Amino acid sequence: ELVVLEGEEPEDYRILAANPSLERILGIDRQSIIGKLSRDAYGTD
């Protein structure tokens, strides 16, 4: 889901759910990224 402040453009998105295959494909523990913003989940600026 998008993270949008009132009246502004989206600034990030939050991971709500992921299936087991995502964990296998991305090589990331899906439990550790659920509920996090994408910057924190993927370690990007």
PDB file of all heavy atoms in Angstrom:
ATOM      1  N   GLU A   1       0.854  -1.181   0.000  1.00  0.00           N
ATOM      2  CA  GLU A   1       0.000   0.000   0.000  1.00  0.00           C
ATOM      3  C   GLU A   1       0.892   1.234   0.000  1.00  0.00           C
ATOM      4  O   GLU A   1       1.993   1.233   0.526  1.00  0.00           O
ATOM      5  CB  GLU A   1      -0.918   0.018   1.227  1.00  0.00           C
ATOM      6  CG  GLU A   1      -0.208   0.207   2.551  1.00  0.00           C
ATOM      7  CD  GLU A   1      -1.181   0.337   3.725  1.00  0.00           C
ATOM      8  OE1 GLU A   1      -2.390   0.307   3.472  1.00  0.00           O
ATOM      9  OE2 GLU A   1      -0.695   0.455   4.856  1.00  0.00           O
ATOM     10  N   LEU A   2       0.359   2.258  -0.713  1.00  0.00           N
ATOM     11  CA  LEU A   2       1.116   3.501  -0.802  1.00  0.00           C
ATOM     12  C   LEU A   2       1.104   4.235   0.526  1.00  0.00           C
ATOM     13  O   LEU A   2       0.110   4.203   1.257  1.00  0.00           O
ATOM     14  CB  LEU A   2       0.528   4.398  -1.885  1.00  0.00           C
ATOM     15  CG  LEU A   2       0.601   3.879  -3.332  1.00  0.00           C
ATOM     16  CD1 LEU A   2      -0.117   4.853  -4.271  1.00  0.00           C
ATOM     17  CD2 LEU A   2       2.044   3.678  -3.763  1.00  0.00           C
ATOM     18  N   VAL A   3       2.200   4.916   0.795  1.00  0.00           N
ATOM     19  CA  VAL A   3       2.274   5.805   1.963  1.00  0.00           C
ATOM     20  C   VAL A   3       2.163   7.205   1.410  1.00  0.00           C
ATOM     21  O   VAL A   3       3.091   7.712   0.764  1.00  0.00           O
ATOM     22  CB  VAL A   3       3.587   5.608   2.735  1.00  0.00           C
ATOM     23  CG1 VAL A   3       3.673   6.604   3.887  1.00  0.00           C
ATOM     24  CG2 VAL A   3       3.699   4.164   3.238  1.00  0.00           C
ATOM     25  N   VAL A   4       0.961   7.830   1.669  1.00  0.00           N
ATOM     26  CA  VAL A   4       0.678   9.141   1.077  1.00  0.00           C
ATOM     27  C   VAL A   4       0.282  10.097   2.187  1.00  0.00           C
ATOM     28  O   VAL A   4      -0.633   9.817   2.966  1.00  0.00           O
ATOM     29  CB  VAL A   4      -0.457   9.055   0.049  1.00  0.00           C
ATOM     30  CG1 VAL A   4      -0.675  10.421  -0.612  1.00  0.00           C
ATOM     31  CG2 VAL A   4      -0.164   7.981  -0.991  1.00  0.00           C
ATOM     32  N   LEU A   5       0.979  11.217   2.272  1.00  0.00           N
ATOM     33  CA  LEU A   5       0.585  12.267   3.203  1.00  0.00           C
ATOM     34  C   LEU A   5      -0.525  13.084   2.564  1.00  0.00           C
ATOM     35  O   LEU A   5      -0.616  13.177   1.330  1.00  0.00           O
ATOM     36  CB  LEU A   5       1.789  13.148   3.543  1.00  0.00           C
ATOM     37  CG  LEU A   5       2.959  12.427   4.244  1.00  0.00           C
ATOM     38  CD1 LEU A   5       4.101  13.413   4.476  1.00  0.00           C
ATOM     39  CD2 LEU A   5       2.506  11.798   5.549  1.00  0.00           C
ATOM     40  N   GLU A   6      -1.346  13.696   3.367  1.00  0.00           N
ATOM     41  CA  GLU A   6      -2.514  14.422   2.878  1.00  0.00           C
ATOM     42  C   GLU A   6      -2.087  15.488   1.874  1.00  0.00           C
ATOM     43  O   GLU A   6      -1.310  16.388   2.183  1.00  0.00           O
ATOM     44  CB  GLU A   6      -3.276  15.072   4.051  1.00  0.00           C
ATOM     45  CG  GLU A   6      -4.597  15.690   3.664  1.00  0.00           C
ATOM     46  CD  GLU A   6      -5.617  14.663   3.206  1.00  0.00           C
ATOM     47  OE1 GLU A   6      -5.568  13.494   3.677  1.00  0.00           O
ATOM     48  OE2 GLU A   6      -6.435  14.996   2.338  1.00  0.00           O
ATOM     49  N   GLY A   7      -2.646  15.335   0.674  1.00  0.00           N
ATOM     50  CA  GLY A   7      -2.408  16.351  -0.357  1.00  0.00           C
ATOM     51  C   GLY A   7      -1.048  16.316  -0.999  1.00  0.00           C
ATOM     52  O   GLY A   7      -0.673  17.250  -1.722  1.00  0.00           O
ATOM     53  N   GLU A   8      -0.274  15.268  -0.757  1.00  0.00           N
ATOM     54  CA  GLU A   8       1.064  15.191  -1.343  1.00  0.00           C
ATOM     55  C   GLU A   8       1.204  13.908  -2.172  1.00  0.00           C
ATOM     56  O   GLU A   8       0.362  13.012  -2.137  1.00  0.00           O
ATOM     57  CB  GLU A   8       2.122  15.213  -0.241  1.00  0.00           C
ATOM     58  CG  GLU A   8       2.152  16.528   0.543  1.00  0.00           C
ATOM     59  CD  GLU A   8       3.264  16.536   1.572  1.00  0.00           C
ATOM     60  OE1 GLU A   8       4.075  15.569   1.546  1.00  0.00           O
ATOM     61  OE2 GLU A   8       3.331  17.473   2.357  1.00  0.00           O
ATOM     62  N   GLU A   9       2.293  13.855  -2.923  1.00  0.00           N
ATOM     63  CA  GLU A   9       2.592  12.679  -3.741  1.00  0.00           C
ATOM     64  C   GLU A   9       3.036  11.532  -2.838  1.00  0.00           C
ATOM     65  O   GLU A   9       3.585  11.755  -1.755  1.00  0.00           O
ATOM     66  CB  GLU A   9       3.704  12.996  -4.749  1.00  0.00           C
ATOM     67  CG  GLU A   9       3.313  14.007  -5.813  1.00  0.00           C
ATOM     68  CD  GLU A   9       2.253  13.446  -6.752  1.00  0.00           C
ATOM     69  OE1 GLU A   9       2.302  12.223  -7.042  1.00  0.00           O
ATOM     70  OE2 GLU A   9       1.377  14.210  -7.186  1.00  0.00           O
ATOM     71  N   PRO A  10       2.842  10.265  -3.276  1.00  0.00           N
ATOM     72  CA  PRO A  10       3.316   9.120  -2.477  1.00  0.00           C
ATOM     73  C   PRO A  10       4.817   9.224  -2.251  1.00  0.00           C
ATOM     74  O   PRO A  10       5.574   9.591  -3.152  1.00  0.00           O
ATOM     75  CB  PRO A  10       2.961   7.912  -3.343  1.00  0.00           C
ATOM     76  CG  PRO A  10       1.852   8.392  -4.232  1.00  0.00           C
ATOM     77  CD  PRO A  10       2.131   9.831  -4.496  1.00  0.00           C
ATOM     78  N   GLU A  11       5.220   8.892  -1.032  1.00  0.00           N
ATOM     79  CA  GLU A  11       6.644   8.983  -0.726  1.00  0.00           C
ATOM     80  C   GLU A  11       7.279   7.613  -0.505  1.00  0.00           C
ATOM     81  O   GLU A  11       8.494   7.479  -0.507  1.00  0.00           O
ATOM     82  CB  GLU A  11       6.889   9.833   0.513  1.00  0.00           C
ATOM     83  CG  GLU A  11       6.272   9.287   1.773  1.00  0.00           C
ATOM     84  CD  GLU A  11       6.609  10.120   2.999  1.00  0.00           C
ATOM     85  OE1 GLU A  11       6.913  11.317   2.830  1.00  0.00           O
ATOM     86  OE2 GLU A  11       6.589   9.543   4.087  1.00  0.00           O
ATOM     87  N   ASP A  12       6.433   6.569  -0.335  1.00  0.00           N
ATOM     88  CA  ASP A  12       6.959   5.214  -0.162  1.00  0.00           C
ATOM     89  C   ASP A  12       5.791   4.248  -0.228  1.00  0.00           C
ATOM     90  O   ASP A  12       4.638   4.647  -0.433  1.00  0.00           O
ATOM     91  CB  ASP A  12       7.699   5.083   1.168  1.00  0.00           C
ATOM     92  CG  ASP A  12       8.734   3.960   1.177  1.00  0.00           C
ATOM     93  OD1 ASP A  12       8.631   3.066   0.290  1.00  0.00           O
ATOM     94  OD2 ASP A  12       9.644   3.972   2.019  1.00  0.00           O
ATOM     95  N   TYR A  13       6.091   2.971  -0.099  1.00  0.00           N
ATOM     96  CA  TYR A  13       5.024   1.979   0.009  1.00  0.00           C
ATOM     97  C   TYR A  13       5.452   0.941   1.036  1.00  0.00           C
ATOM     98  O   TYR A  13       6.624   0.706   1.278  1.00  0.00           O
ATOM     99  CB  TYR A  13       4.694   1.335  -1.342  1.00  0.00           C
ATOM    100  CG  TYR A  13       5.882   0.709  -2.065  1.00  0.00           C
ATOM    101  CD1 TYR A  13       6.256  -0.613  -1.804  1.00  0.00           C
ATOM    102  CD2 TYR A  13       6.604   1.433  -3.008  1.00  0.00           C
ATOM    103  CE1 TYR A  13       7.330  -1.175  -2.467  1.00  0.00           C
ATOM    104  CE2 TYR A  13       7.665   0.880  -3.668  1.00  0.00           C
ATOM    105  CZ  TYR A  13       8.045  -0.436  -3.409  1.00  0.00           C
ATOM    106  OH  TYR A  13       9.110  -0.995  -4.052  1.00  0.00           O
ATOM    107  N   ARG A  14       4.384   0.353   1.642  1.00  0.00           N
ATOM    108  CA  ARG A  14       4.616  -0.587   2.738  1.00  0.00           C
ATOM    109  C   ARG A  14       4.258  -1.980   2.259  1.00  0.00           C
ATOM    110  O   ARG A  14       3.284  -2.183   1.522  1.00  0.00           O
ATOM    111  CB  ARG A  14       3.747  -0.211   3.936  1.00  0.00           C
ATOM    112  CG  ARG A  14       4.113  -0.962   5.232  1.00  0.00           C
ATOM    113  CD  ARG A  14       3.136  -0.614   6.347  1.00  0.00           C
ATOM    114  NE  ARG A  14       2.983   0.823   6.458  1.00  0.00           N
ATOM    115  CZ  ARG A  14       3.832   1.622   7.108  1.00  0.00           C
ATOM    116  NH1 ARG A  14       4.898   1.122   7.679  1.00  0.00           N
ATOM    117  NH2 ARG A  14       3.602   2.918   7.185  1.00  0.00           N
ATOM    118  N   ILE A  15       5.052  -2.973   2.664  1.00  0.00           N
ATOM    119  CA  ILE A  15       4.806  -4.369   2.280  1.00  0.00           C
ATOM    120  C   ILE A  15       3.787  -4.950   3.256  1.00  0.00           C
ATOM    121  O   ILE A  15       4.039  -5.024   4.463  1.00  0.00           O
ATOM    122  CB  ILE A  15       6.105  -5.189   2.315  1.00  0.00           C
ATOM    123  CG1 ILE A  15       7.145  -4.569   1.370  1.00  0.00           C
ATOM    124  CG2 ILE A  15       5.849  -6.652   1.944  1.00  0.00           C
ATOM    125  CD1 ILE A  15       8.508  -5.177   1.486  1.00  0.00           C
ATOM    126  N   LEU A  16       2.650  -5.361   2.688  1.00  0.00           N
ATOM    127  CA  LEU A  16       1.574  -5.900   3.518  1.00  0.00           C
ATOM    128  C   LEU A  16       1.618  -7.409   3.608  1.00  0.00           C
ATOM    129  O   LEU A  16       1.262  -7.985   4.646  1.00  0.00           O
ATOM    130  CB  LEU A  16       0.220  -5.459   2.962  1.00  0.00           C
ATOM    131  CG  LEU A  16      -0.004  -3.940   2.878  1.00  0.00           C
ATOM    132  CD1 LEU A  16      -1.378  -3.664   2.286  1.00  0.00           C
ATOM    133  CD2 LEU A  16       0.146  -3.286   4.247  1.00  0.00           C
ATOM    134  N   ALA A  17       2.015  -8.077   2.500  1.00  0.00           N
ATOM    135  CA  ALA A  17       2.028  -9.549   2.503  1.00  0.00           C
ATOM    136  C   ALA A  17       2.988 -10.028   1.435  1.00  0.00           C
ATOM    137  O   ALA A  17       3.272  -9.322   0.461  1.00  0.00           O
ATOM    138  CB  ALA A  17       0.631 -10.099   2.242  1.00  0.00           C
ATOM    139  N   ALA A  18       3.484 -11.302   1.561  1.00  0.00           N
ATOM    140  CA  ALA A  18       4.378 -11.923   0.579  1.00  0.00           C
ATOM    141  C   ALA A  18       4.226 -13.425   0.684  1.00  0.00           C
ATOM    142  O   ALA A  18       4.027 -13.960   1.775  1.00  0.00           O
ATOM    143  CB  ALA A  18       5.817 -11.522   0.819  1.00  0.00           C
ATOM    144  N   ASN A  19       4.264 -14.097  -0.456  1.00  0.00           N
ATOM    145  CA  ASN A  19       4.132 -15.559  -0.417  1.00  0.00           C
ATOM    146  C   ASN A  19       5.502 -16.214  -0.263  1.00  0.00           C
ATOM    147  O   ASN A  19       6.546 -15.548  -0.376  1.00  0.00           O
ATOM    148  CB  ASN A  19       3.395 -16.073  -1.659  1.00  0.00           C
ATOM    149  CG  ASN A  19       4.216 -15.910  -2.928  1.00  0.00           C
ATOM    150  OD1 ASN A  19       5.261 -15.257  -2.914  1.00  0.00           O
ATOM    151  ND2 ASN A  19       3.740 -16.488  -4.015  1.00  0.00           N
ATOM    152  N   PRO A  20       5.548 -17.507   0.003  1.00  0.00           N
ATOM    153  CA  PRO A  20       6.845 -18.182   0.193  1.00  0.00           C
ATOM    154  C   PRO A  20       7.772 -18.080  -1.026  1.00  0.00           C
ATOM    155  O   PRO A  20       8.996 -18.040  -0.881  1.00  0.00           O
ATOM    156  CB  PRO A  20       6.445 -19.628   0.473  1.00  0.00           C
ATOM    157  CG  PRO A  20       5.063 -19.539   1.028  1.00  0.00           C
ATOM    158  CD  PRO A  20       4.409 -18.408   0.303  1.00  0.00           C
ATOM    159  N   SER A  21       7.176 -18.062  -2.203  1.00  0.00           N
ATOM    160  CA  SER A  21       8.022 -17.994  -3.399  1.00  0.00           C
ATOM    161  C   SER A  21       8.799 -16.683  -3.466  1.00  0.00           C
ATOM    162  O   SER A  21       9.898 -16.632  -4.023  1.00  0.00           O
ATOM    163  CB  SER A  21       7.152 -18.145  -4.654  1.00  0.00           C
ATOM    164  OG  SER A  21       6.584 -19.426  -4.716  1.00  0.00           O
ATOM    165  N   LEU A  22       8.209 -15.593  -2.933  1.00  0.00           N
ATOM    166  CA  LEU A  22       8.922 -14.319  -2.911  1.00  0.00           C
ATOM    167  C   LEU A  22      10.190 -14.456  -2.082  1.00  0.00           C
ATOM    168  O   LEU A  22      11.250 -13.923  -2.436  1.00  0.00           O
ATOM    169  CB  LEU A  22       8.023 -13.236  -2.331  1.00  0.00           C
ATOM    170  CG  LEU A  22       8.657 -11.834  -2.291  1.00  0.00           C
ATOM    171  CD1 LEU A  22       8.803 -11.287  -3.696  1.00  0.00           C
ATOM    172  CD2 LEU A  22       7.813 -10.892  -1.442  1.00  0.00           C
ATOM    173  N   GLU A  23      10.057 -15.174  -0.980  1.00  0.00           N
ATOM    174  CA  GLU A  23      11.216 -15.390  -0.124  1.00  0.00           C
ATOM    175  C   GLU A  23      12.307 -16.130  -0.891  1.00  0.00           C
ATOM    176  O   GLU A  23      13.496 -15.807  -0.807  1.00  0.00           O
ATOM    177  CB  GLU A  23      10.777 -16.195   1.109  1.00  0.00           C
ATOM    178  CG  GLU A  23      11.857 -16.395   2.151  1.00  0.00           C
ATOM    179  CD  GLU A  23      11.302 -17.119   3.372  1.00  0.00           C
ATOM    180  OE1 GLU A  23      10.899 -18.298   3.212  1.00  0.00           O
ATOM    181  OE2 GLU A  23      11.269 -16.512   4.451  1.00  0.00           O
ATOM    182  N   ARG A  24      11.871 -17.138  -1.659  1.00  0.00           N
ATOM    183  CA  ARG A  24      12.841 -17.911  -2.444  1.00  0.00           C
ATOM    184  C   ARG A  24      13.426 -17.071  -3.565  1.00  0.00           C
ATOM    185  O   ARG A  24      14.635 -17.113  -3.824  1.00  0.00           O
ATOM    186  CB  ARG A  24      12.136 -19.143  -3.025  1.00  0.00           C
ATOM    187  CG  ARG A  24      12.967 -19.928  -4.006  1.00  0.00           C
ATOM    188  CD  ARG A  24      12.186 -21.143  -4.496  1.00  0.00           C
ATOM    189  NE  ARG A  24      10.874 -20.789  -4.984  1.00  0.00           N
ATOM    190  CZ  ARG A  24      10.630 -20.312  -6.205  1.00  0.00           C
ATOM    191  NH1 ARG A  24      11.633 -20.095  -7.044  1.00  0.00           N
ATOM    192  NH2 ARG A  24       9.399 -20.037  -6.572  1.00  0.00           N
ATOM    193  N   ILE A  25      12.597 -16.287  -4.246  1.00  0.00           N
ATOM    194  CA  ILE A  25      13.063 -15.525  -5.407  1.00  0.00           C
ATOM    195  C   ILE A  25      13.982 -14.390  -4.989  1.00  0.00           C
ATOM    196  O   ILE A  25      15.039 -14.180  -5.579  1.00  0.00           O
ATOM    197  CB  ILE A  25      11.853 -14.985  -6.189  1.00  0.00           C
ATOM    198  CG1 ILE A  25      11.095 -16.161  -6.833  1.00  0.00           C
ATOM    199  CG2 ILE A  25      12.302 -13.995  -7.261  1.00  0.00           C
ATOM    200  CD1 ILE A  25       9.776 -15.757  -7.454  1.00  0.00           C
ATOM    201  N   LEU A  26      13.561 -13.647  -3.970  1.00  0.00           N
ATOM    202  CA  LEU A  26      14.354 -12.485  -3.570  1.00  0.00           C
ATOM    203  C   LEU A  26      15.472 -12.836  -2.608  1.00  0.00           C
ATOM    204  O   LEU A  26      16.387 -12.028  -2.404  1.00  0.00           O
ATOM    205  CB  LEU A  26      13.447 -11.436  -2.917  1.00  0.00           C
ATOM    206  CG  LEU A  26      12.333 -10.862  -3.806  1.00  0.00           C
ATOM    207  CD1 LEU A  26      11.573  -9.788  -3.040  1.00  0.00           C
ATOM    208  CD2 LEU A  26      12.908 -10.287  -5.098  1.00  0.00           C
ATOM    209  N   GLY A  27      15.357 -14.020  -2.005  1.00  0.00           N
ATOM    210  CA  GLY A  27      16.390 -14.386  -1.041  1.00  0.00           C
ATOM    211  C   GLY A  27      16.277 -13.581   0.240  1.00  0.00           C
ATOM    212  O   GLY A  27      17.283 -13.340   0.911  1.00  0.00           O
ATOM    213  N   ILE A  28      15.045 -13.144   0.555  1.00  0.00           N
ATOM    214  CA  ILE A  28      14.815 -12.318   1.747  1.00  0.00           C
ATOM    215  C   ILE A  28      13.777 -13.028   2.629  1.00  0.00           C
ATOM    216  O   ILE A  28      12.771 -13.532   2.131  1.00  0.00           O
ATOM    217  CB  ILE A  28      14.288 -10.922   1.340  1.00  0.00           C
ATOM    218  CG1 ILE A  28      15.328 -10.206   0.474  1.00  0.00           C
ATOM    219  CG2 ILE A  28      13.970 -10.086   2.568  1.00  0.00           C
ATOM    220  CD1 ILE A  28      14.827  -8.878  -0.079  1.00  0.00           C
ATOM    221  N   ASP A  29      14.011 -13.028   3.909  1.00  0.00           N
ATOM    222  CA  ASP A  29      13.044 -13.612   4.842  1.00  0.00           C
ATOM    223  C   ASP A  29      11.767 -12.779   4.793  1.00  0.00           C
ATOM    224  O   ASP A  29      11.757 -11.595   5.138  1.00  0.00           O
ATOM    225  CB  ASP A  29      13.628 -13.617   6.259  1.00  0.00           C
ATOM    226  CG  ASP A  29      12.673 -14.219   7.290  1.00  0.00           C
ATOM    227  OD1 ASP A  29      11.635 -14.774   6.858  1.00  0.00           O
ATOM    228  OD2 ASP A  29      12.965 -14.107   8.478  1.00  0.00           O
ATOM    229  N   ARG A  30      10.693 -13.409   4.358  1.00  0.00           N
ATOM    230  CA  ARG A  30       9.472 -12.631   4.135  1.00  0.00           C
ATOM    231  C   ARG A  30       8.890 -12.109   5.443  1.00  0.00           C
ATOM    232  O   ARG A  30       8.262 -11.052   5.471  1.00  0.00           O
ATOM    233  CB  ARG A  30       8.423 -13.466   3.392  1.00  0.00           C
ATOM    234  CG  ARG A  30       7.937 -14.693   4.124  1.00  0.00           C
ATOM    235  CD  ARG A  30       7.092 -15.557   3.202  1.00  0.00           C
ATOM    236  NE  ARG A  30       6.559 -16.707   3.883  1.00  0.00           N
ATOM    237  CZ  ARG A  30       5.335 -16.777   4.425  1.00  0.00           C
ATOM    238  NH1 ARG A  30       4.523 -15.749   4.329  1.00  0.00           N
ATOM    239  NH2 ARG A  30       4.925 -17.865   5.031  1.00  0.00           N
ATOM    240  N   GLN A  31       9.111 -12.806   6.509  1.00  0.00           N
ATOM    241  CA  GLN A  31       8.575 -12.343   7.786  1.00  0.00           C
ATOM    242  C   GLN A  31       9.263 -11.062   8.253  1.00  0.00           C
ATOM    243  O   GLN A  31       8.667 -10.219   8.916  1.00  0.00           O
ATOM    244  CB  GLN A  31       8.743 -13.439   8.854  1.00  0.00           C
ATOM    245  CG  GLN A  31       7.983 -14.715   8.548  1.00  0.00           C
ATOM    246  CD  GLN A  31       6.468 -14.482   8.470  1.00  0.00           C
ATOM    247  OE1 GLN A  31       5.913 -13.594   9.157  1.00  0.00           O
ATOM    248  NE2 GLN A  31       5.785 -15.275   7.638  1.00  0.00           N
ATOM    249  N   SER A  32      10.538 -10.924   7.825  1.00  0.00           N
ATOM    250  CA  SER A  32      11.295  -9.760   8.283  1.00  0.00           C
ATOM    251  C   SER A  32      10.942  -8.494   7.520  1.00  0.00           C
ATOM    252  O   SER A  32      11.292  -7.387   7.942  1.00  0.00           O
ATOM    253  CB  SER A  32      12.798 -10.040   8.147  1.00  0.00           C
ATOM    254  OG  SER A  32      13.163 -10.168   6.787  1.00  0.00           O
ATOM    255  N   ILE A  33      10.256  -8.652   6.367  1.00  0.00           N
ATOM    256  CA  ILE A  33       9.970  -7.452   5.578  1.00  0.00           C
ATOM    257  C   ILE A  33       8.500  -7.054   5.633  1.00  0.00           C
ATOM    258  O   ILE A  33       8.151  -5.936   5.250  1.00  0.00           O
ATOM    259  CB  ILE A  33      10.387  -7.646   4.107  1.00  0.00           C
ATOM    260  CG1 ILE A  33       9.591  -8.800   3.463  1.00  0.00           C
ATOM    261  CG2 ILE A  33      11.894  -7.893   4.003  1.00  0.00           C
ATOM    262  CD1 ILE A  33       9.838  -8.942   1.966  1.00  0.00           C
ATOM    263  N   ILE A  34       7.639  -7.943   6.071  1.00  0.00           N
ATOM    264  CA  ILE A  34       6.210  -7.609   6.125  1.00  0.00           C
ATOM    265  C   ILE A  34       6.003  -6.499   7.147  1.00  0.00           C
ATOM    266  O   ILE A  34       6.465  -6.559   8.278  1.00  0.00           O
ATOM    267  CB  ILE A  34       5.368  -8.844   6.470  1.00  0.00           C
ATOM    268  CG1 ILE A  34       5.445  -9.864   5.321  1.00  0.00           C
ATOM    269  CG2 ILE A  34       3.916  -8.460   6.754  1.00  0.00           C
ATOM    270  CD1 ILE A  34       4.736 -11.181   5.605  1.00  0.00           C
ATOM    271  N   GLY A  35       5.303  -5.466   6.709  1.00  0.00           N
ATOM    272  CA  GLY A  35       5.012  -4.315   7.545  1.00  0.00           C
ATOM    273  C   GLY A  35       6.057  -3.221   7.432  1.00  0.00           C
ATOM    274  O   GLY A  35       5.869  -2.125   7.973  1.00  0.00           O
ATOM    275  N   LYS A  36       7.136  -3.461   6.720  1.00  0.00           N
ATOM    276  CA  LYS A  36       8.183  -2.455   6.605  1.00  0.00           C
ATOM    277  C   LYS A  36       8.004  -1.630   5.333  1.00  0.00           C
ATOM    278  O   LYS A  36       7.387  -2.064   4.355  1.00  0.00           O
ATOM    279  CB  LYS A  36       9.557  -3.117   6.567  1.00  0.00           C
ATOM    280  CG  LYS A  36      10.000  -3.693   7.920  1.00  0.00           C
ATOM    281  CD  LYS A  36      11.434  -4.204   7.822  1.00  0.00           C
ATOM    282  CE  LYS A  36      11.921  -4.693   9.183  1.00  0.00           C
ATOM    283  NZ  LYS A  36      13.320  -5.157   9.127  1.00  0.00           N
ATOM    284  N   LEU A  37       8.562  -0.420   5.387  1.00  0.00           N
ATOM    285  CA  LEU A  37       8.629   0.388   4.181  1.00  0.00           C
ATOM    286  C   LEU A  37       9.672  -0.217   3.237  1.00  0.00           C
ATOM    287  O   LEU A  37      10.609  -0.899   3.652  1.00  0.00           O
ATOM    288  CB  LEU A  37       9.001   1.828   4.520  1.00  0.00           C
ATOM    289  CG  LEU A  37       7.996   2.600   5.393  1.00  0.00           C
ATOM    290  CD1 LEU A  37       8.551   3.982   5.733  1.00  0.00           C
ATOM    291  CD2 LEU A  37       6.656   2.717   4.684  1.00  0.00           C
ATOM    292  N   SER A  38       9.515   0.057   1.936  1.00  0.00           N
ATOM    293  CA  SER A  38      10.394  -0.571   0.941  1.00  0.00           C
ATOM    294  C   SER A  38      11.859  -0.185   1.138  1.00  0.00           C
ATOM    295  O   SER A  38      12.763  -0.983   0.895  1.00  0.00           O
ATOM    296  CB  SER A  38       9.941  -0.189  -0.465  1.00  0.00           C
ATOM    297  OG  SER A  38      10.111   1.216  -0.674  1.00  0.00           O
ATOM    298  N   ARG A  39      12.093   1.095   1.565  1.00  0.00           N
ATOM    299  CA  ARG A  39      13.480   1.513   1.785  1.00  0.00           C
ATOM    300  C   ARG A  39      14.165   0.596   2.793  1.00  0.00           C
ATOM    301  O   ARG A  39      15.314   0.180   2.612  1.00  0.00           O
ATOM    302  CB  ARG A  39      13.530   2.947   2.298  1.00  0.00           C
ATOM    303  CG  ARG A  39      13.204   4.025   1.275  1.00  0.00           C
ATOM    304  CD  ARG A  39      13.464   5.386   1.902  1.00  0.00           C
ATOM    305  NE  ARG A  39      13.182   6.492   1.003  1.00  0.00           N
ATOM    306  CZ  ARG A  39      12.012   7.115   0.939  1.00  0.00           C
ATOM    307  NH1 ARG A  39      11.018   6.704   1.735  1.00  0.00           N
ATOM    308  NH2 ARG A  39      11.845   8.112   0.092  1.00  0.00           N
ATOM    309  N   ASP A  40      13.426   0.293   3.881  1.00  0.00           N
ATOM    310  CA  ASP A  40      13.995  -0.530   4.940  1.00  0.00           C
ATOM    311  C   ASP A  40      14.077  -1.996   4.521  1.00  0.00           C
ATOM    312  O   ASP A  40      15.034  -2.700   4.842  1.00  0.00           O
ATOM    313  CB  ASP A  40      13.148  -0.399   6.206  1.00  0.00           C
ATOM    314  CG  ASP A  40      13.082   1.041   6.713  1.00  0.00           C
ATOM    315  OD1 ASP A  40      14.097   1.768   6.496  1.00  0.00           O
ATOM    316  OD2 ASP A  40      12.067   1.419   7.288  1.00  0.00           O
ATOM    317  N   ALA A  41      13.069  -2.470   3.766  1.00  0.00           N
ATOM    318  CA  ALA A  41      13.025  -3.886   3.389  1.00  0.00           C
ATOM    319  C   ALA A  41      14.142  -4.233   2.411  1.00  0.00           C
ATOM    320  O   ALA A  41      14.789  -5.283   2.524  1.00  0.00           O
ATOM    321  CB  ALA A  41      11.672  -4.219   2.773  1.00  0.00           C
ATOM    322  N   TYR A  42      14.361  -3.332   1.427  1.00  0.00           N
ATOM    323  CA  TYR A  42      15.340  -3.650   0.377  1.00  0.00           C
ATOM    324  C   TYR A  42      16.673  -2.945   0.557  1.00  0.00           C
ATOM    325  O   TYR A  42      17.590  -3.147  -0.226  1.00  0.00           O
ATOM    326  CB  TYR A  42      14.750  -3.287  -0.993  1.00  0.00           C
ATOM    327  CG  TYR A  42      13.452  -4.020  -1.282  1.00  0.00           C
ATOM    328  CD1 TYR A  42      12.275  -3.326  -1.545  1.00  0.00           C
ATOM    329  CD2 TYR A  42      13.420  -5.416  -1.295  1.00  0.00           C
ATOM    330  CE1 TYR A  42      11.098  -3.989  -1.814  1.00  0.00           C
ATOM    331  CE2 TYR A  42      12.239  -6.093  -1.561  1.00  0.00           C
ATOM    332  CZ  TYR A  42      11.081  -5.375  -1.826  1.00  0.00           C
ATOM    333  OH  TYR A  42       9.927  -6.041  -2.079  1.00  0.00           O
ATOM    334  N   GLY A  43      16.778  -2.109   1.586  1.00  0.00           N
ATOM    335  CA  GLY A  43      18.037  -1.434   1.863  1.00  0.00           C
ATOM    336  C   GLY A  43      18.442  -0.456   0.789  1.00  0.00           C
ATOM    337  O   GLY A  43      19.626  -0.369   0.427  1.00  0.00           O
ATOM    338  N   THR A  44      17.470   0.311   0.241  1.00  0.00           N
ATOM    339  CA  THR A  44      17.770   1.289  -0.806  1.00  0.00           C
ATOM    340  C   THR A  44      17.496   2.691  -0.306  1.00  0.00           C
ATOM    341  O   THR A  44      16.734   2.894   0.642  1.00  0.00           O
ATOM    342  CB  THR A  44      16.906   1.017  -2.053  1.00  0.00           C
ATOM    343  OG1 THR A  44      15.519   1.099  -1.694  1.00  0.00           O
ATOM    344  CG2 THR A  44      17.210  -0.364  -2.621  1.00  0.00           C
ATOM    345  N   ASP A  45      18.098   3.684  -0.986  1.00  0.00           N
ATOM    346  CA  ASP A  45      17.881   5.083  -0.608  1.00  0.00           C
ATOM    347  C   ASP A  45      16.519   5.576  -1.065  1.00  0.00           C
ATOM    348  O   ASP A  45      15.919   6.446  -0.416  1.00  0.00           O
ATOM    349  CB  ASP A  45      18.968   5.969  -1.212  1.00  0.00           C
ATOM    350  CG  ASP A  45      20.341   5.653  -0.629  1.00  0.00           C
ATOM    351  OD1 ASP A  45      20.394   5.161   0.508  1.00  0.00           O
ATOM    352  OD2 ASP A  45      21.354   5.879  -1.342  1.00  0.00           O
TER     353      ASP A  45
END
